[in-house]
Protein backbone atom coordinates (compact mmCIF):
# COMPACT_ATOMS: atom_id res chain seq x y z
CA UNK A 1 74.79 78.87 135.33
CA UNK A 2 77.79 76.07 135.63
CA UNK A 3 77.22 76.08 131.46
CA UNK A 4 78.79 79.49 131.02
CA UNK A 5 81.55 79.91 128.58
CA UNK A 6 84.27 80.67 131.35
CA UNK A 7 83.40 77.37 132.62
CA UNK A 8 83.21 75.47 129.86
CA UNK A 9 86.34 76.67 128.23
CA UNK A 10 87.93 76.47 131.62
CA UNK A 11 86.18 72.47 132.15
CA UNK A 12 87.95 71.57 129.02
CA UNK A 13 91.39 72.91 129.70
CA UNK A 14 90.71 70.72 132.78
CA UNK A 15 90.02 67.64 131.01
CA UNK A 16 92.94 68.41 128.46
CA UNK A 17 94.96 68.67 131.81
CA UNK A 18 93.22 65.46 133.11
CA UNK A 19 94.10 63.49 129.99
CA UNK A 20 97.84 64.33 130.37
CA UNK A 21 97.92 63.05 134.25
CA UNK A 22 96.22 59.93 133.39
CA UNK A 23 98.95 59.38 130.60
CA UNK A 24 101.95 60.61 132.80
CA UNK A 25 100.45 58.17 135.77
CA UNK A 26 99.82 55.27 133.35
CA UNK A 27 103.40 55.43 132.22
CA UNK A 28 104.89 56.12 135.20
CA UNK A 29 102.97 53.39 136.94
CA UNK A 30 104.32 50.77 133.87
CA UNK A 31 107.56 51.67 133.88
CA UNK A 32 107.77 51.88 138.08
CA UNK A 33 105.80 49.36 139.35
CA UNK A 34 103.98 49.71 142.72
CA UNK A 35 106.99 49.45 144.87
CA UNK A 36 108.91 52.76 143.19
CA UNK A 37 105.85 54.95 142.25
CA UNK A 38 105.39 54.66 145.96
CA UNK A 39 109.13 55.79 146.39
CA UNK A 40 108.31 58.48 143.95
CA UNK A 41 105.04 59.61 146.10
CA UNK A 42 107.68 59.69 149.04
CA UNK A 43 109.99 61.99 147.39
CA UNK A 44 107.43 64.17 146.14
CA UNK A 45 104.60 64.49 148.96
CA UNK A 46 106.85 66.97 151.40
CA UNK A 47 107.65 69.10 149.18
CA UNK A 48 104.28 69.56 147.55
CA UNK A 49 102.94 70.33 150.52
CA UNK A 50 105.73 72.69 151.96
CA UNK A 51 105.13 74.49 148.05
CA UNK A 52 101.46 75.36 148.78
CA UNK A 53 102.06 76.43 152.64
CA UNK A 54 104.47 78.63 151.16
CA UNK A 55 102.07 80.42 149.02
CA UNK A 56 100.72 81.87 152.56
CA UNK A 57 97.51 82.47 151.09
CA UNK A 58 99.04 85.52 149.11
CA UNK A 59 97.62 83.92 145.79
CA UNK A 60 93.59 84.10 146.97
CA UNK A 61 94.76 87.89 148.42
CA UNK A 62 96.42 88.75 145.12
CA UNK A 63 93.59 87.44 142.70
CA UNK A 64 90.97 89.60 145.02
CA UNK A 65 93.12 92.54 144.80
CA UNK A 66 93.78 92.64 140.98
CA UNK A 67 89.80 92.00 140.63
CA UNK A 68 88.97 95.02 142.72
CA UNK A 69 92.16 97.23 141.47
CA UNK A 70 92.86 96.39 137.70
CA UNK A 71 95.01 99.38 137.06
CA UNK A 72 97.28 98.69 139.67
CA UNK A 73 97.69 95.05 137.91
CA UNK A 74 101.50 95.76 137.50
CA UNK A 75 102.18 96.96 141.19
CA UNK A 76 100.40 93.80 142.53
CA UNK A 77 102.52 91.62 140.16
CA UNK A 78 105.79 93.17 141.32
CA UNK A 79 104.59 92.53 145.08
CA UNK A 80 103.14 89.14 144.99
CA UNK A 81 106.74 88.12 143.13
CA UNK A 82 108.51 89.92 145.79
CA UNK A 83 106.77 88.08 148.27
CA UNK A 84 107.15 84.87 146.69
CA UNK A 85 111.08 85.05 146.52
CA UNK A 86 111.46 86.15 149.93
CA UNK A 87 109.15 83.52 151.63
CA UNK A 88 110.12 80.22 149.42
CA UNK A 89 113.87 79.89 150.67
CA UNK A 90 112.83 79.81 154.19
CA UNK A 91 110.37 77.12 153.49
CA UNK A 92 113.37 75.20 151.40
CA UNK A 93 115.48 75.78 154.00
CA UNK A 94 113.00 74.53 156.85
CA UNK A 95 112.04 71.68 154.87
CA UNK A 96 115.83 70.87 154.27
CA UNK A 97 116.09 70.16 158.23
CA UNK A 98 112.23 68.67 158.45
CA UNK A 99 112.73 65.70 156.12
CA UNK A 100 114.96 63.22 157.99
CA UNK A 101 112.12 63.38 160.48
CA UNK A 102 109.46 63.25 157.77
CA UNK A 103 110.50 60.26 155.58
CA UNK A 104 109.60 56.56 156.73
CA UNK A 105 112.77 54.98 158.59
CA UNK A 106 112.30 52.79 155.37
CA UNK A 107 112.93 54.97 153.42
CA UNK A 108 115.41 56.70 154.33
CA UNK A 109 117.86 56.45 151.80
CA UNK A 110 115.37 58.54 149.18
CA UNK A 111 116.42 61.76 151.41
CA UNK A 112 119.10 63.31 149.09
CA UNK A 113 116.30 63.01 146.31
CA UNK A 114 113.55 64.37 148.30
CA UNK A 115 115.96 67.34 149.27
CA UNK A 116 116.14 67.72 145.68
CA UNK A 117 112.66 67.70 145.40
CA UNK A 118 112.23 71.28 147.51
CA UNK A 119 113.99 73.07 144.93
CA UNK A 120 109.98 72.62 144.05
CA UNK A 121 108.98 75.22 146.17
CA UNK A 122 110.28 78.80 144.93
CA UNK A 123 109.17 77.21 141.13
CA UNK A 124 106.07 76.18 142.66
CA UNK A 125 105.28 79.59 144.59
CA UNK A 126 105.71 81.64 141.51
CA UNK A 127 103.93 79.81 139.28
CA UNK A 128 101.11 79.87 141.73
CA UNK A 129 101.42 83.60 142.20
CA UNK A 130 101.44 84.65 138.85
CA UNK A 131 98.44 82.23 137.88
CA UNK A 132 96.36 83.73 140.45
CA UNK A 133 96.44 87.10 138.56
CA UNK A 134 94.88 85.62 135.10
CA UNK A 135 92.29 84.00 137.46
CA UNK A 136 91.91 87.52 139.23
CA UNK A 137 91.42 89.33 136.41
CA UNK A 138 89.20 86.55 134.49
CA UNK A 139 91.74 86.11 131.97
CA UNK A 140 90.44 82.35 130.92
CA UNK A 141 92.25 81.90 127.60
CA UNK A 142 95.34 82.69 129.06
CA UNK A 143 94.53 81.49 132.74
CA UNK A 144 93.78 78.27 131.16
CA UNK A 145 96.66 78.35 128.62
CA UNK A 146 99.30 78.58 131.69
CA UNK A 147 97.65 75.94 134.00
CA UNK A 148 98.14 73.43 130.94
CA UNK A 149 101.56 74.56 130.04
CA UNK A 150 103.26 72.36 132.97
CA UNK A 151 101.44 69.27 132.08
CA UNK A 152 102.00 69.23 128.77
CA UNK A 153 105.94 69.42 129.75
CA UNK A 154 105.90 66.85 132.15
CA UNK A 155 104.07 64.64 129.81
CA UNK A 156 106.27 65.38 127.05
CA UNK A 157 109.48 64.45 129.59
CA UNK A 158 108.00 61.23 130.85
CA UNK A 159 107.41 59.96 127.02
CA UNK A 160 111.15 61.00 126.71
CA UNK A 161 112.00 58.73 129.85
CA UNK A 162 109.86 55.75 128.14
CA UNK A 163 111.38 55.83 125.26
CA UNK A 164 114.76 55.89 126.64
CA UNK A 165 113.66 53.10 129.43
CA UNK A 166 114.86 55.60 132.27
CA UNK A 167 112.77 53.52 134.98
CA UNK A 168 114.27 55.43 137.56
CA UNK A 169 112.71 57.30 140.51
CA UNK A 170 115.38 60.38 139.91
CA UNK A 171 114.73 60.91 136.47
CA UNK A 172 110.90 61.71 137.44
CA UNK A 173 111.93 63.68 139.89
CA UNK A 174 114.08 65.71 137.25
CA UNK A 175 111.21 65.39 134.91
CA UNK A 176 108.88 66.96 137.42
CA UNK A 177 111.08 69.75 138.38
CA UNK A 178 112.13 70.89 134.93
CA UNK A 179 108.41 70.87 134.05
CA UNK A 180 107.56 73.40 136.73
CA UNK A 181 110.57 75.27 135.69
CA UNK A 182 109.84 75.69 132.10
CA UNK A 183 106.05 76.51 132.82
CA UNK A 184 107.52 79.64 135.21
CA UNK A 185 109.83 80.36 132.14
CA UNK A 186 106.27 81.01 130.17
CA UNK A 187 104.68 83.21 132.83
CA UNK A 188 107.63 85.51 133.38
CA UNK A 189 108.32 85.96 129.81
CA UNK A 190 104.25 87.03 129.68
CA UNK A 191 104.61 88.95 132.36
CA UNK A 192 108.11 90.35 131.67
CA UNK A 193 106.66 94.08 130.97
CA UNK A 194 104.60 94.01 134.08
CA UNK A 195 107.64 93.17 136.36
CA UNK A 196 109.56 95.71 134.77
CA UNK A 197 107.43 98.68 134.76
CA UNK A 198 105.54 97.92 138.39
CA UNK A 199 106.68 99.58 141.24
CA UNK A 200 107.63 97.38 144.06
CA UNK A 201 106.12 98.85 147.68
CA UNK A 202 106.75 97.25 150.48
CA UNK A 203 103.02 98.23 151.65
CA UNK A 204 101.76 96.42 149.14
CA UNK A 205 103.76 93.34 149.88
CA UNK A 206 102.74 93.65 153.82
CA UNK A 207 99.10 94.17 152.73
CA UNK A 208 99.37 90.34 150.72
CA UNK A 209 101.09 89.00 153.85
CA UNK A 210 98.07 90.46 155.90
CA UNK A 211 95.41 89.79 153.91
CA UNK A 212 96.52 86.39 152.80
CA UNK A 213 96.69 85.42 156.52
CA UNK A 214 93.03 83.92 156.37
CA UNK A 215 93.76 81.95 153.17
CA UNK A 216 96.94 80.57 154.46
CA UNK A 217 94.71 78.66 157.42
CA UNK A 218 92.25 78.06 154.80
CA UNK A 219 95.25 76.36 152.75
CA UNK A 220 96.83 74.43 155.85
CA UNK A 221 92.99 72.72 156.45
CA UNK A 222 92.71 72.29 152.62
CA UNK A 223 96.10 70.56 152.39
CA UNK A 224 95.76 68.44 155.62
CA UNK A 225 91.97 67.40 154.38
CA UNK A 226 93.12 66.21 150.74
CA UNK A 227 96.52 64.93 151.61
CA UNK A 228 96.33 63.77 155.21
CA UNK A 229 94.75 59.99 153.58
CA UNK A 230 98.46 59.83 151.42
CA UNK A 231 100.66 60.92 154.80
CA UNK A 232 99.00 58.04 156.66
CA UNK A 233 99.97 55.48 154.16
CA UNK A 234 103.13 56.53 152.67
CA UNK A 235 104.24 56.91 156.92
CA UNK A 236 102.06 53.58 157.98
CA UNK A 237 102.34 51.22 154.99
CA UNK A 238 105.25 49.85 152.92
CA UNK A 239 106.35 51.42 149.66
CA UNK A 240 104.10 49.06 147.91
CA UNK A 241 100.74 49.71 149.51
CA UNK A 242 101.68 53.67 149.13
CA UNK A 243 102.20 52.73 144.95
CA UNK A 244 98.71 51.38 144.96
CA UNK A 245 96.87 53.92 146.74
CA UNK A 246 98.52 56.57 144.78
CA UNK A 247 97.27 54.98 141.72
CA UNK A 248 94.14 54.49 143.15
CA UNK A 249 93.73 57.57 144.34
CA UNK A 250 94.44 59.08 140.61
CA UNK A 251 91.88 56.84 138.89
CA UNK A 252 89.57 58.00 141.05
CA UNK A 253 90.24 61.84 140.44
CA UNK A 254 88.69 60.94 136.65
CA UNK A 255 86.01 63.68 137.31
CA UNK A 256 87.98 66.42 138.81
CA UNK A 257 88.28 68.16 136.10
CA UNK A 258 84.79 69.40 135.97
CA UNK A 259 85.00 70.44 140.06
CA UNK A 260 87.93 72.01 139.39
CA UNK A 261 86.81 74.35 136.53
CA UNK A 262 83.18 75.47 138.52
CA UNK A 263 85.37 75.84 141.76
CA UNK A 264 87.71 78.20 140.04
CA UNK A 265 85.45 80.18 138.17
CA UNK A 266 83.07 80.10 140.61
CA UNK A 267 85.75 81.97 142.96
CA UNK A 268 86.62 84.97 140.36
CA UNK A 269 82.86 85.59 139.82
CA UNK A 270 81.93 86.02 143.26
CA UNK A 271 85.01 88.22 143.89
CA UNK A 272 83.78 90.51 141.38
CA UNK A 273 80.03 90.58 142.45
CA UNK A 274 79.51 93.09 144.82
CA UNK A 275 75.95 92.75 145.86
CA UNK A 276 75.43 89.96 148.83
CA UNK A 277 72.08 89.05 147.11
CA UNK A 278 73.28 88.52 143.87
CA UNK A 279 76.04 86.44 146.12
CA UNK A 280 74.29 84.30 147.49
CA UNK A 281 72.28 83.21 144.05
CA UNK A 282 75.68 82.44 142.51
CA UNK A 283 77.03 80.34 145.23
CA UNK A 284 73.57 78.21 146.02
CA UNK A 285 72.85 77.99 142.21
CA UNK A 286 76.18 76.66 141.19
CA UNK A 287 76.56 74.41 144.00
CA UNK A 288 73.31 72.55 143.02
CA UNK A 289 74.00 72.00 139.49
CA UNK A 290 77.89 71.00 140.00
CA UNK A 291 76.50 68.78 142.58
CA UNK A 292 74.14 66.74 139.81
CA UNK A 293 77.32 67.26 137.33
CA UNK A 294 80.09 65.73 140.09
CA UNK A 295 77.36 63.07 141.16
CA UNK A 296 76.68 61.87 137.48
CA UNK A 297 80.23 61.65 136.84
CA UNK A 298 81.19 60.10 139.66
CA UNK A 299 78.95 57.40 139.30
CA UNK A 300 79.80 56.68 135.82
CA UNK A 301 83.90 56.65 136.95
CA UNK A 302 82.89 54.41 139.53
CA UNK A 303 81.69 51.67 137.02
CA UNK A 304 84.10 52.60 134.64
CA UNK A 305 87.24 51.75 136.94
CA UNK A 306 86.76 47.90 137.32
CA UNK A 307 86.69 47.80 133.76
CA UNK A 308 89.93 49.55 132.80
CA UNK A 309 92.24 50.05 135.47
CA UNK A 310 93.60 46.94 135.05
CA UNK A 311 94.01 47.08 131.06
CA UNK A 312 95.39 50.35 131.33
CA UNK A 313 97.64 50.26 134.39
CA UNK A 314 98.78 46.41 134.54
CA UNK A 315 98.13 43.49 136.53
CA UNK A 316 100.34 44.50 139.23
CA UNK A 317 97.70 47.33 140.28
CA UNK A 318 94.69 44.63 140.64
CA UNK A 319 94.66 45.17 144.14
CA UNK A 320 93.83 49.49 143.91
CA UNK A 321 90.58 48.65 141.85
CA UNK A 322 88.09 48.70 144.55
CA UNK A 323 89.55 51.38 146.70
CA UNK A 324 89.67 53.20 143.93
CA UNK A 325 86.14 52.44 143.37
CA UNK A 326 85.21 53.82 147.24
CA UNK A 327 87.74 56.88 146.50
CA UNK A 328 85.72 58.09 143.21
CA UNK A 329 82.54 58.29 145.58
CA UNK A 330 84.67 60.50 147.93
CA UNK A 331 85.60 62.79 145.31
CA UNK A 332 82.31 63.07 143.94
CA UNK A 333 81.14 64.71 147.38
CA UNK A 334 84.24 66.40 148.12
CA UNK A 335 84.36 68.09 144.64
CA UNK A 336 80.92 69.62 145.81
CA UNK A 337 82.06 70.67 148.96
CA UNK A 338 85.03 72.33 147.10
CA UNK A 339 82.90 74.42 144.78
CA UNK A 340 80.57 75.80 147.76
CA UNK A 341 83.96 76.30 149.41
CA UNK A 342 85.86 78.08 146.51
CA UNK A 343 82.24 80.58 146.30
CA UNK A 344 82.30 81.34 149.72
CA UNK A 345 86.52 82.64 149.48
CA UNK A 346 85.55 84.58 146.70
CA UNK A 347 82.90 86.65 149.08
CA UNK A 348 86.61 86.65 151.47
CA UNK A 349 85.05 84.15 153.93
CA UNK A 350 87.37 81.28 154.08
CA UNK A 351 86.85 80.38 157.30
CA UNK A 352 83.31 78.21 156.68
CA UNK A 353 85.92 76.12 155.03
CA UNK A 354 88.32 75.63 157.30
CA UNK A 355 85.78 74.59 159.90
CA UNK A 356 84.07 71.42 157.47
CA UNK A 357 87.60 70.61 156.56
CA UNK A 358 88.65 70.50 160.38
CA UNK A 359 85.78 68.16 160.85
CA UNK A 360 86.59 65.99 158.05
CA UNK A 361 89.89 66.11 159.33
CA UNK A 362 89.01 64.43 162.85
CA UNK A 363 86.60 62.47 160.93
CA UNK A 364 89.66 60.62 158.90
CA UNK A 365 91.84 60.35 161.98
CA UNK A 366 89.42 58.58 164.35
CA UNK A 367 88.56 56.15 160.94
CA UNK A 368 92.01 55.91 160.31
CA UNK A 369 92.62 55.14 163.74
CA UNK A 370 90.41 52.05 163.50
CA UNK A 371 90.36 50.70 160.22
CA UNK A 372 93.88 51.47 157.94
CA UNK A 373 95.29 48.43 160.26
CA UNK A 374 93.21 46.10 159.85
CA UNK A 375 91.22 46.68 156.19
CA UNK A 376 94.54 48.40 154.68
CA UNK A 377 93.99 50.34 151.87
CA UNK A 378 89.88 50.06 151.58
CA UNK A 379 89.62 50.65 155.51
CA UNK A 380 91.27 54.23 154.31
CA UNK A 381 89.49 54.54 151.10
CA UNK A 382 86.08 54.32 153.62
CA UNK A 383 87.48 56.83 155.83
CA UNK A 384 88.33 59.37 153.37
CA UNK A 385 84.40 58.61 152.00
CA UNK A 386 83.31 59.31 155.55
CA UNK A 387 85.56 62.19 156.04
CA UNK A 388 84.33 63.77 152.35
CA UNK A 389 80.59 63.26 153.59
CA UNK A 390 81.00 64.97 157.07
CA UNK A 391 83.28 68.00 155.29
CA UNK A 392 80.29 68.86 152.60
CA UNK A 393 77.72 68.34 155.21
CA UNK A 394 79.46 70.87 157.47
CA UNK A 395 79.74 73.18 154.75
CA UNK A 396 76.40 73.21 153.72
CA UNK A 397 74.94 74.10 157.27
CA UNK A 398 77.89 76.54 157.91
CA UNK A 399 77.02 78.45 154.54
CA UNK A 400 73.33 78.58 154.70
CA UNK A 401 73.58 80.19 157.94
CA UNK A 402 75.56 82.71 156.94
CA UNK A 403 73.25 83.05 153.91
CA UNK A 404 70.59 83.10 156.31
CA UNK A 405 68.73 80.71 153.78
CA UNK A 406 67.81 76.81 154.63
CA UNK A 407 70.26 74.36 154.03
CA UNK A 408 67.31 72.92 151.64
CA UNK A 409 68.68 75.50 149.42
CA UNK A 410 71.59 73.42 148.39
CA UNK A 411 69.37 70.33 147.58
CA UNK A 412 70.49 69.43 144.12
CA UNK A 413 67.92 66.82 143.29
CA UNK A 414 64.75 68.82 142.77
CA UNK A 415 62.42 69.27 140.33
CA UNK A 416 63.36 72.61 139.16
CA UNK A 417 67.27 72.34 139.35
CA UNK A 418 66.97 68.75 137.28
CA UNK A 419 65.00 70.93 134.86
CA UNK A 420 67.04 74.07 134.34
CA UNK A 421 70.41 71.61 134.64
CA UNK A 422 69.12 69.25 131.30
CA UNK A 423 67.92 72.26 129.60
CA UNK A 424 71.59 73.68 129.77
CA UNK A 425 72.99 70.67 128.86
CA UNK A 426 71.22 69.98 126.06
CA UNK A 427 71.45 73.46 124.44
CA UNK A 428 75.00 73.23 124.28
CA UNK A 429 77.51 73.81 120.96
CA UNK A 430 81.08 73.03 120.53
CA UNK A 431 82.28 76.32 120.38
CA UNK A 432 81.10 76.95 124.18
CA UNK A 433 83.97 74.83 125.27
CA UNK A 434 86.46 77.22 123.80
CA UNK A 435 88.06 78.94 126.48
CA UNK A 436 86.68 82.78 126.27
CA UNK A 437 89.26 85.98 126.66
């Protein structure tokens, strides 16, 4: 199930993205140091959050519409792009007035740069809308190429900054925005014929907004779940601590390529499947096998971080090592939960994921109040692990209830699941890693 060509092709692209991210992360950390790296995280944090909110869930709705109505793809592309171009400026305006309230007091000097970074919102919203078309149509080769393009551009620009010894936060923000703009130019070029030939129907725009509303709630809960720890660290601790935590989180996400790929393809495959019985088998089998893979990758990463972190990032980030180990374990648990969540979204049911994330957020807030001030970054890392476990358990219970199966059906360490997993693993061929059309 998880070793299909679609999964493996998407996984290989995610690995390439992870490699680019590691290279840019290491270069950025070494050039900027903990304090300036924390300032960069502060500048980028809220524009990234607002850009995801600015999608209003329309990317998920658009992917499902083109999956169900491939003949109307051109019209849906025009509708999605129109919604993006009208909604994004609203979020830019909201961000412009909210940023003075959201930035920590001791980093008020970063306000002009953070406001400049709000240009990310229209760039990213349009990028994600156009990318969702490829996901919905399961054109994995093009989808993976477009996903990778931003990271290649960003890596190239960061390398140029390193060669030019430009170690100021403003240059990294400029590189970040330029990479998004270049990626968007490619996506507009690919879809230029559809954008020119498609018909703009206001009813289609309204439908995307209505259909995206449940996914908007899921986006909000997902963002809070994933970003709340960073928001708390950036807001309550100094810039150096924020820089250490961001690097720890980057190290911990080493296995995210696998979970990301499985989530992407699970959503698309389930979206195309109409039979409820087949949907149940796809969701439960994919989760069992992916949980095995995620746990294995997480254990390997936990063992590698203490050995590789300081040589790669430098001695200035030594205090990030053990928080990164705990965060890596949390990422393995959360990755498995995300795959199950994406499968349920593919059936048009994002509410189970919202509920599980709400419980995880409550656990995160309670844990942070008790542990962050006392134990610092390790306290936050432990809280993130607890929140991830709460999310996974809650999502399994909700999914089992809806599918009318026992929660034990999701247990990944049974003999049959292990045997099937390793049989597929040993039969892999290198050619399977190529992205299918």
